PDB file of N, CA and C in Angstrom:
ATOM      1  N   MET A   1     -39.306  -0.823   3.290  1.00  0.00           N
ATOM      2  CA  MET A   1     -38.369  -1.919   3.439  1.00  0.00           C
ATOM      3  C   MET A   1     -37.033  -1.512   2.832  1.00  0.00           C
ATOM      4  N   VAL A   2     -35.958  -1.807   3.539  1.00  0.00           N
ATOM      5  CA  VAL A   2     -34.615  -1.481   3.091  1.00  0.00           C
ATOM      6  C   VAL A   2     -34.000  -2.738   2.498  1.00  0.00           C
ATOM      7  N   SER A   3     -33.503  -2.625   1.282  1.00  0.00           N
ATOM      8  CA  SER A   3     -32.859  -3.782   0.653  1.00  0.00           C
ATOM      9  C   SER A   3     -31.345  -3.672   0.806  1.00  0.00           C
ATOM     10  N   ALA A   4     -30.711  -4.791   0.873  1.00  0.00           N
ATOM     11  CA  ALA A   4     -29.254  -4.829   1.002  1.00  0.00           C
ATOM     12  C   ALA A   4     -28.620  -4.459  -0.338  1.00  0.00           C
ATOM     13  N   ALA A   5     -27.531  -3.705  -0.273  1.00  0.00           N
ATOM     14  CA  ALA A   5     -26.814  -3.335  -1.495  1.00  0.00           C
ATOM     15  C   ALA A   5     -26.125  -4.569  -2.069  1.00  0.00           C
ATOM     16  N   ARG A   6     -26.158  -4.689  -3.377  1.00  0.00           N
ATOM     17  CA  ARG A   6     -25.461  -5.804  -4.017  1.00  0.00           C
ATOM     18  C   ARG A   6     -23.986  -5.482  -4.108  1.00  0.00           C
ATOM     19  N   HIS A   7     -23.175  -6.448  -3.742  1.00  0.00           N
ATOM     20  CA  HIS A   7     -21.726  -6.266  -3.803  1.00  0.00           C
ATOM     21  C   HIS A   7     -21.247  -6.600  -5.213  1.00  0.00           C
ATOM     22  N   THR A   8     -20.613  -5.645  -5.843  1.00  0.00           N
ATOM     23  CA  THR A   8     -20.036  -5.888  -7.164  1.00  0.00           C
ATOM     24  C   THR A   8     -18.543  -5.608  -7.086  1.00  0.00           C
ATOM     25  N   SER A   9     -17.773  -6.237  -7.942  1.00  0.00           N
ATOM     26  CA  SER A   9     -16.334  -5.996  -7.933  1.00  0.00           C
ATOM     27  C   SER A   9     -16.048  -4.605  -8.476  1.00  0.00           C
ATOM     28  N   HIS A  10     -14.925  -4.071  -8.075  1.00  0.00           N
ATOM     29  CA  HIS A  10     -14.514  -2.742  -8.508  1.00  0.00           C
ATOM     30  C   HIS A  10     -14.240  -2.769 -10.008  1.00  0.00           C
ATOM     31  N   PRO A  11     -14.641  -1.729 -10.744  1.00  0.00           N
ATOM     32  CA  PRO A  11     -14.460  -1.753 -12.203  1.00  0.00           C
ATOM     33  C   PRO A  11     -12.994  -1.783 -12.649  1.00  0.00           C
ATOM     34  N   LEU A  12     -12.062  -1.436 -11.747  1.00  0.00           N
ATOM     35  CA  LEU A  12     -10.645  -1.449 -12.116  1.00  0.00           C
ATOM     36  C   LEU A  12      -9.913  -2.672 -11.565  1.00  0.00           C
ATOM     37  N   ALA A  13     -10.642  -3.584 -10.954  1.00  0.00           N
ATOM     38  CA  ALA A  13     -10.021  -4.731 -10.298  1.00  0.00           C
ATOM     39  C   ALA A  13      -9.225  -5.608 -11.269  1.00  0.00           C
ATOM     40  N   HIS A  14      -9.537  -5.575 -12.544  1.00  0.00           N
ATOM     41  CA  HIS A  14      -8.846  -6.427 -13.522  1.00  0.00           C
ATOM     42  C   HIS A  14      -7.484  -5.866 -13.941  1.00  0.00           C
ATOM     43  N   LEU A  15      -7.198  -4.602 -13.610  1.00  0.00           N
ATOM     44  CA  LEU A  15      -5.939  -3.982 -14.026  1.00  0.00           C
ATOM     45  C   LEU A  15      -4.780  -4.508 -13.193  1.00  0.00           C
ATOM     46  N   PRO A  16      -3.580  -4.629 -13.782  1.00  0.00           N
ATOM     47  CA  PRO A  16      -2.419  -5.092 -13.028  1.00  0.00           C
ATOM     48  C   PRO A  16      -2.050  -4.109 -11.920  1.00  0.00           C
ATOM     49  N   ILE A  17      -1.427  -4.630 -10.883  1.00  0.00           N
ATOM     50  CA  ILE A  17      -1.042  -3.835  -9.714  1.00  0.00           C
ATOM     51  C   ILE A  17       0.469  -3.657  -9.687  1.00  0.00           C
ATOM     52  N   GLU A  18       0.909  -2.449  -9.358  1.00  0.00           N
ATOM     53  CA  GLU A  18       2.326  -2.157  -9.156  1.00  0.00           C
ATOM     54  C   GLU A  18       2.499  -1.769  -7.695  1.00  0.00           C
ATOM     55  N   ARG A  19       3.432  -2.406  -7.001  1.00  0.00           N
ATOM     56  CA  ARG A  19       3.711  -2.080  -5.602  1.00  0.00           C
ATOM     57  C   ARG A  19       5.152  -1.602  -5.495  1.00  0.00           C
ATOM     58  N   THR A  20       5.356  -0.503  -4.769  1.00  0.00           N
ATOM     59  CA  THR A  20       6.693   0.050  -4.597  1.00  0.00           C
ATOM     60  C   THR A  20       6.897   0.479  -3.147  1.00  0.00           C
ATOM     61  N   VAL A  21       8.157   0.567  -2.745  1.00  0.00           N
ATOM     62  CA  VAL A  21       8.531   1.075  -1.430  1.00  0.00           C
ATOM     63  C   VAL A  21       9.226   2.413  -1.654  1.00  0.00           C
ATOM     64  N   ARG A  22       8.720   3.456  -1.004  1.00  0.00           N
ATOM     65  CA  ARG A  22       9.274   4.800  -1.180  1.00  0.00           C
ATOM     66  C   ARG A  22       9.654   5.411   0.162  1.00  0.00           C
ATOM     67  N   PRO A  23      10.833   6.072   0.247  1.00  0.00           N
ATOM     68  CA  PRO A  23      11.187   6.752   1.497  1.00  0.00           C
ATOM     69  C   PRO A  23      10.293   7.976   1.707  1.00  0.00           C
ATOM     70  N   GLN A  24      10.011   8.260   2.961  1.00  0.00           N
ATOM     71  CA  GLN A  24       9.211   9.423   3.330  1.00  0.00           C
ATOM     72  C   GLN A  24      10.122  10.443   4.004  1.00  0.00           C
ATOM     73  N   ARG A  25       9.646  11.658   4.172  1.00  0.00           N
ATOM     74  CA  ARG A  25      10.462  12.709   4.791  1.00  0.00           C
ATOM     75  C   ARG A  25      10.440  12.682   6.312  1.00  0.00           C
ATOM     76  N   HIS A  26       9.530  11.911   6.880  1.00  0.00           N
ATOM     77  CA  HIS A  26       9.379  11.891   8.331  1.00  0.00           C
ATOM     78  C   HIS A  26       9.463  10.471   8.859  1.00  0.00           C
ATOM     79  N   GLY A  27       9.488  10.380  10.170  1.00  0.00           N
ATOM     80  CA  GLY A  27       9.498   9.081  10.837  1.00  0.00           C
ATOM     81  C   GLY A  27       8.320   8.977  11.780  1.00  0.00           C
ATOM     82  N   SER A  28       8.566   8.363  12.950  1.00  0.00           N
ATOM     83  CA  SER A  28       7.503   8.159  13.932  1.00  0.00           C
ATOM     84  C   SER A  28       6.932   9.469  14.459  1.00  0.00           C
ATOM     85  N   ASP A  29       7.717  10.546  14.410  1.00  0.00           N
ATOM     86  CA  ASP A  29       7.205  11.843  14.867  1.00  0.00           C
ATOM     87  C   ASP A  29       5.990  12.277  14.050  1.00  0.00           C
ATOM     88  N   TRP A  30       5.883  11.833  12.810  1.00  0.00           N
ATOM     89  CA  TRP A  30       4.781  12.207  11.915  1.00  0.00           C
ATOM     90  C   TRP A  30       3.783  11.072  11.724  1.00  0.00           C
ATOM     91  N   PHE A  31       4.298   9.862  11.478  1.00  0.00           N
ATOM     92  CA  PHE A  31       3.449   8.724  11.127  1.00  0.00           C
ATOM     93  C   PHE A  31       3.089   7.826  12.304  1.00  0.00           C
ATOM     94  N   GLY A  32       3.725   8.023  13.442  1.00  0.00           N
ATOM     95  CA  GLY A  32       3.524   7.109  14.563  1.00  0.00           C
ATOM     96  C   GLY A  32       4.447   5.917  14.404  1.00  0.00           C
ATOM     97  N   PRO A  33       4.261   4.874  15.209  1.00  0.00           N
ATOM     98  CA  PRO A  33       5.158   3.724  15.127  1.00  0.00           C
ATOM     99  C   PRO A  33       4.979   2.950  13.819  1.00  0.00           C
ATOM    100  N   CYS A  34       5.928   2.112  13.529  1.00  0.00           N
ATOM    101  CA  CYS A  34       5.889   1.248  12.336  1.00  0.00           C
ATOM    102  C   CYS A  34       4.578   0.470  12.313  1.00  0.00           C
ATOM    103  N   ASP A  35       3.881   0.495  11.188  1.00  0.00           N
ATOM    104  CA  ASP A  35       2.606  -0.227  11.052  1.00  0.00           C
ATOM    105  C   ASP A  35       2.786  -1.735  11.157  1.00  0.00           C
ATOM    106  N   ILE A  36       3.986  -2.219  10.911  1.00  0.00           N
ATOM    107  CA  ILE A  36       4.205  -3.660  10.848  1.00  0.00           C
ATOM    108  C   ILE A  36       4.747  -4.216  12.170  1.00  0.00           C
ATOM    109  N   CYS A  37       5.788  -3.582  12.719  1.00  0.00           N
ATOM    110  CA  CYS A  37       6.369  -4.119  13.958  1.00  0.00           C
ATOM    111  C   CYS A  37       6.008  -3.303  15.192  1.00  0.00           C
ATOM    112  N   GLY A  38       5.490  -2.093  15.003  1.00  0.00           N
ATOM    113  CA  GLY A  38       5.069  -1.262  16.136  1.00  0.00           C
ATOM    114  C   GLY A  38       6.172  -0.495  16.827  1.00  0.00           C
ATOM    115  N   LYS A  39       7.399  -0.524  16.296  1.00  0.00           N
ATOM    116  CA  LYS A  39       8.524   0.164  16.938  1.00  0.00           C
ATOM    117  C   LYS A  39       8.739   1.552  16.330  1.00  0.00           C
ATOM    118  N   HIS A  40       9.539   2.360  17.030  1.00  0.00           N
ATOM    119  CA  HIS A  40       9.882   3.714  16.589  1.00  0.00           C
ATOM    120  C   HIS A  40      10.665   3.667  15.270  1.00  0.00           C
ATOM    121  N   MET A  41      10.424   4.657  14.387  1.00  0.00           N
ATOM    122  CA  MET A  41      11.150   4.769  13.121  1.00  0.00           C
ATOM    123  C   MET A  41      11.817   6.136  13.054  1.00  0.00           C
ATOM    124  N   SER A  42      13.094   6.196  12.740  1.00  0.00           N
ATOM    125  CA  SER A  42      13.731   7.486  12.515  1.00  0.00           C
ATOM    126  C   SER A  42      13.356   8.017  11.134  1.00  0.00           C
ATOM    127  N   GLN A  43      13.177   7.119  10.173  1.00  0.00           N
ATOM    128  CA  GLN A  43      12.667   7.470   8.843  1.00  0.00           C
ATOM    129  C   GLN A  43      11.657   6.414   8.434  1.00  0.00           C
ATOM    130  N   ALA A  44      10.541   6.863   7.896  1.00  0.00           N
ATOM    131  CA  ALA A  44       9.496   5.936   7.455  1.00  0.00           C
ATOM    132  C   ALA A  44       9.639   5.650   5.964  1.00  0.00           C
ATOM    133  N   PHE A  45       9.190   4.473   5.582  1.00  0.00           N
ATOM    134  CA  PHE A  45       9.085   4.084   4.182  1.00  0.00           C
ATOM    135  C   PHE A  45       7.636   3.705   3.943  1.00  0.00           C
ATOM    136  N   GLY A  46       7.109   4.090   2.798  1.00  0.00           N
ATOM    137  CA  GLY A  46       5.727   3.798   2.479  1.00  0.00           C
ATOM    138  C   GLY A  46       5.620   2.693   1.452  1.00  0.00           C
ATOM    139  N   LEU A  47       4.726   1.743   1.715  1.00  0.00           N
ATOM    140  CA  LEU A  47       4.404   0.698   0.742  1.00  0.00           C
ATOM    141  C   LEU A  47       3.238   1.214  -0.075  1.00  0.00           C
ATOM    142  N   ARG A  48       3.490   1.507  -1.344  1.00  0.00           N
ATOM    143  CA  ARG A  48       2.487   2.138  -2.206  1.00  0.00           C
ATOM    144  C   ARG A  48       1.982   1.154  -3.248  1.00  0.00           C
ATOM    145  N   THR A  49       0.697   1.258  -3.534  1.00  0.00           N
ATOM    146  CA  THR A  49       0.047   0.398  -4.520  1.00  0.00           C
ATOM    147  C   THR A  49      -0.629   1.258  -5.575  1.00  0.00           C
ATOM    148  N   ALA A  50      -0.447   0.920  -6.838  1.00  0.00           N
ATOM    149  CA  ALA A  50      -1.124   1.621  -7.933  1.00  0.00           C
ATOM    150  C   ALA A  50      -1.570   0.585  -8.961  1.00  0.00           C
ATOM    151  N   ARG A  51      -2.669   0.856  -9.600  1.00  0.00           N
ATOM    152  CA  ARG A  51      -3.124   0.009 -10.713  1.00  0.00           C
ATOM    153  C   ARG A  51      -2.637   0.636 -12.010  1.00  0.00           C
ATOM    154  N   ILE A  52      -2.229  -0.186 -12.959  1.00  0.00           N
ATOM    155  CA  ILE A  52      -1.681   0.296 -14.227  1.00  0.00           C
ATOM    156  C   ILE A  52      -2.753   0.183 -15.306  1.00  0.00           C
ATOM    157  N   HIS A  53      -3.153   1.323 -15.861  1.00  0.00           N
ATOM    158  CA  HIS A  53      -4.159   1.384 -16.921  1.00  0.00           C
ATOM    159  C   HIS A  53      -3.510   0.912 -18.225  1.00  0.00           C
ATOM    160  N   PRO A  54      -4.266   0.331 -19.150  1.00  0.00           N
ATOM    161  CA  PRO A  54      -3.680  -0.125 -20.421  1.00  0.00           C
ATOM    162  C   PRO A  54      -2.934   0.968 -21.196  1.00  0.00           C
ATOM    163  N   ASP A  55      -3.309   2.232 -21.010  1.00  0.00           N
ATOM    164  CA  ASP A  55      -2.595   3.302 -21.715  1.00  0.00           C
ATOM    165  C   ASP A  55      -1.332   3.756 -20.977  1.00  0.00           C
ATOM    166  N   GLY A  56      -0.981   3.075 -19.867  1.00  0.00           N
ATOM    167  CA  GLY A  56       0.243   3.381 -19.144  1.00  0.00           C
ATOM    168  C   GLY A  56       0.062   4.259 -17.921  1.00  0.00           C
ATOM    169  N   ARG A  57      -1.107   4.869 -17.760  1.00  0.00           N
ATOM    170  CA  ARG A  57      -1.328   5.721 -16.583  1.00  0.00           C
ATOM    171  C   ARG A  57      -1.350   4.878 -15.323  1.00  0.00           C
ATOM    172  N   ARG A  58      -0.842   5.463 -14.240  1.00  0.00           N
ATOM    173  CA  ARG A  58      -0.913   4.823 -12.930  1.00  0.00           C
ATOM    174  C   ARG A  58      -2.100   5.404 -12.183  1.00  0.00           C
ATOM    175  N   LEU A  59      -3.003   4.545 -11.762  1.00  0.00           N
ATOM    176  CA  LEU A  59      -4.186   4.969 -11.035  1.00  0.00           C
ATOM    177  C   LEU A  59      -3.912   4.765  -9.556  1.00  0.00           C
ATOM    178  N   GLY A  60      -3.908   5.810  -8.807  1.00  0.00           N
ATOM    179  CA  GLY A  60      -3.464   5.805  -7.414  1.00  0.00           C
ATOM    180  C   GLY A  60      -2.306   6.790  -7.370  1.00  0.00           C
ATOM    181  N   PRO A  61      -1.246   6.600  -6.716  1.00  0.00           N
ATOM    182  CA  PRO A  61      -1.020   5.449  -5.857  1.00  0.00           C
ATOM    183  C   PRO A  61      -1.654   5.663  -4.485  1.00  0.00           C
ATOM    184  N   ASN A  62      -1.894   4.596  -3.807  1.00  0.00           N
ATOM    185  CA  ASN A  62      -2.381   4.631  -2.442  1.00  0.00           C
ATOM    186  C   ASN A  62      -1.291   4.062  -1.555  1.00  0.00           C
ATOM    187  N   THR A  63      -1.002   4.734  -0.458  1.00  0.00           N
ATOM    188  CA  THR A  63      -0.011   4.214   0.479  1.00  0.00           C
ATOM    189  C   THR A  63      -0.720   3.274   1.438  1.00  0.00           C
ATOM    190  N   ASP A  64      -0.309   2.012   1.413  1.00  0.00           N
ATOM    191  CA  ASP A  64      -0.949   0.979   2.218  1.00  0.00           C
ATOM    192  C   ASP A  64      -0.468   0.969   3.657  1.00  0.00           C
ATOM    193  N   SER A  65       0.828   1.181   3.853  1.00  0.00           N
ATOM    194  CA  SER A  65       1.370   1.173   5.209  1.00  0.00           C
ATOM    195  C   SER A  65       2.686   1.928   5.256  1.00  0.00           C
ATOM    196  N   PHE A  66       3.040   2.343   6.465  1.00  0.00           N
ATOM    197  CA  PHE A  66       4.301   3.032   6.720  1.00  0.00           C
ATOM    198  C   PHE A  66       5.099   2.204   7.717  1.00  0.00           C
ATOM    199  N   GLY A  67       6.415   2.122   7.487  1.00  0.00           N
ATOM    200  CA  GLY A  67       7.238   1.355   8.419  1.00  0.00           C
ATOM    201  C   GLY A  67       8.711   1.469   8.097  1.00  0.00           C
ATOM    202  N   HIS A  68       9.504   0.668   8.832  1.00  0.00           N
ATOM    203  CA  HIS A  68      10.937   0.582   8.549  1.00  0.00           C
ATOM    204  C   HIS A  68      11.115   0.008   7.142  1.00  0.00           C
ATOM    205  N   GLU A  69      12.220   0.344   6.521  1.00  0.00           N
ATOM    206  CA  GLU A  69      12.457  -0.164   5.164  1.00  0.00           C
ATOM    207  C   GLU A  69      12.408  -1.682   5.124  1.00  0.00           C
ATOM    208  N   HIS A  70      13.058  -2.349   6.084  1.00  0.00           N
ATOM    209  CA  HIS A  70      13.066  -3.820   6.063  1.00  0.00           C
ATOM    210  C   HIS A  70      11.678  -4.401   6.344  1.00  0.00           C
ATOM    211  N   CYS A  71      10.857  -3.704   7.135  1.00  0.00           N
ATOM    212  CA  CYS A  71       9.503  -4.198   7.422  1.00  0.00           C
ATOM    213  C   CYS A  71       8.606  -4.105   6.185  1.00  0.00           C
ATOM    214  N   VAL A  72       8.617  -2.943   5.515  1.00  0.00           N
ATOM    215  CA  VAL A  72       7.742  -2.794   4.347  1.00  0.00           C
ATOM    216  C   VAL A  72       8.258  -3.604   3.161  1.00  0.00           C
ATOM    217  N   THR A  73       9.577  -3.790   3.065  1.00  0.00           N
ATOM    218  CA  THR A  73      10.130  -4.635   2.007  1.00  0.00           C
ATOM    219  C   THR A  73       9.694  -6.087   2.215  1.00  0.00           C
ATOM    220  N   ALA A  74       9.688  -6.537   3.474  1.00  0.00           N
ATOM    221  CA  ALA A  74       9.224  -7.892   3.772  1.00  0.00           C
ATOM    222  C   ALA A  74       7.726  -8.019   3.481  1.00  0.00           C
ATOM    223  N   ALA A  75       6.940  -6.989   3.808  1.00  0.00           N
ATOM    224  CA  ALA A  75       5.502  -7.003   3.506  1.00  0.00           C
ATOM    225  C   ALA A  75       5.277  -7.033   2.005  1.00  0.00           C
ATOM    226  N   LEU A  76       6.098  -6.302   1.253  1.00  0.00           N
ATOM    227  CA  LEU A  76       5.997  -6.293  -0.207  1.00  0.00           C
ATOM    228  C   LEU A  76       6.297  -7.686  -0.761  1.00  0.00           C
ATOM    229  N   ALA A  77       7.360  -8.312  -0.283  1.00  0.00           N
ATOM    230  CA  ALA A  77       7.722  -9.654  -0.758  1.00  0.00           C
ATOM    231  C   ALA A  77       6.607 -10.653  -0.421  1.00  0.00           C
ATOM    232  N   GLN A  78       6.010 -10.513   0.749  1.00  0.00           N
ATOM    233  CA  GLN A  78       4.930 -11.419   1.148  1.00  0.00           C
ATOM    234  C   GLN A  78       3.712 -11.210   0.267  1.00  0.00           C
ATOM    235  N   SER A  79       3.367  -9.945  -0.038  1.00  0.00           N
ATOM    236  CA  SER A  79       2.192  -9.682  -0.870  1.00  0.00           C
ATOM    237  C   SER A  79       2.408 -10.154  -2.295  1.00  0.00           C
ATOM    238  N   GLU A  80       3.624 -10.052  -2.797  1.00  0.00           N
ATOM    239  CA  GLU A  80       3.911 -10.536  -4.160  1.00  0.00           C
ATOM    240  C   GLU A  80       3.911 -12.060  -4.211  1.00  0.00           C
ATOM    241  N   GLY A  81       4.284 -12.684  -3.097  1.00  0.00           N
ATOM    242  CA  GLY A  81       4.267 -14.136  -3.046  1.00  0.00           C
ATOM    243  C   GLY A  81       2.867 -14.701  -2.984  1.00  0.00           C
ATOM    244  N   SER A  82       1.931 -13.915  -2.426  1.00  0.00           N
ATOM    245  CA  SER A  82       0.549 -14.392  -2.315  1.00  0.00           C
ATOM    246  C   SER A  82      -0.296 -13.967  -3.486  1.00  0.00           C
ATOM    247  N   ALA A  83       0.237 -13.109  -4.365  1.00  0.00           N
ATOM    248  CA  ALA A  83      -0.545 -12.617  -5.502  1.00  0.00           C
ATOM    249  C   ALA A  83      -0.554 -13.585  -6.649  1.00  0.00           C
TER     250      ALA A  83
END
């Protein structure tokens, strides 16, 4: 008999989150279309998320999405508003 795995929260889930927008070296030629609006990008910007450890270390960062600067900035503002 196979038992279902118990879902537990991630051990780092309690740490504060830092979100930043960073320019990338490529655009749609590398990343494809904007993740948010689906249009071509001459330069991509990445929305990055990292958790901040109590000793100051940043765990991550993980890039959540790539897009135009105004698209990822709007996504960042929306995520901060819902947090």
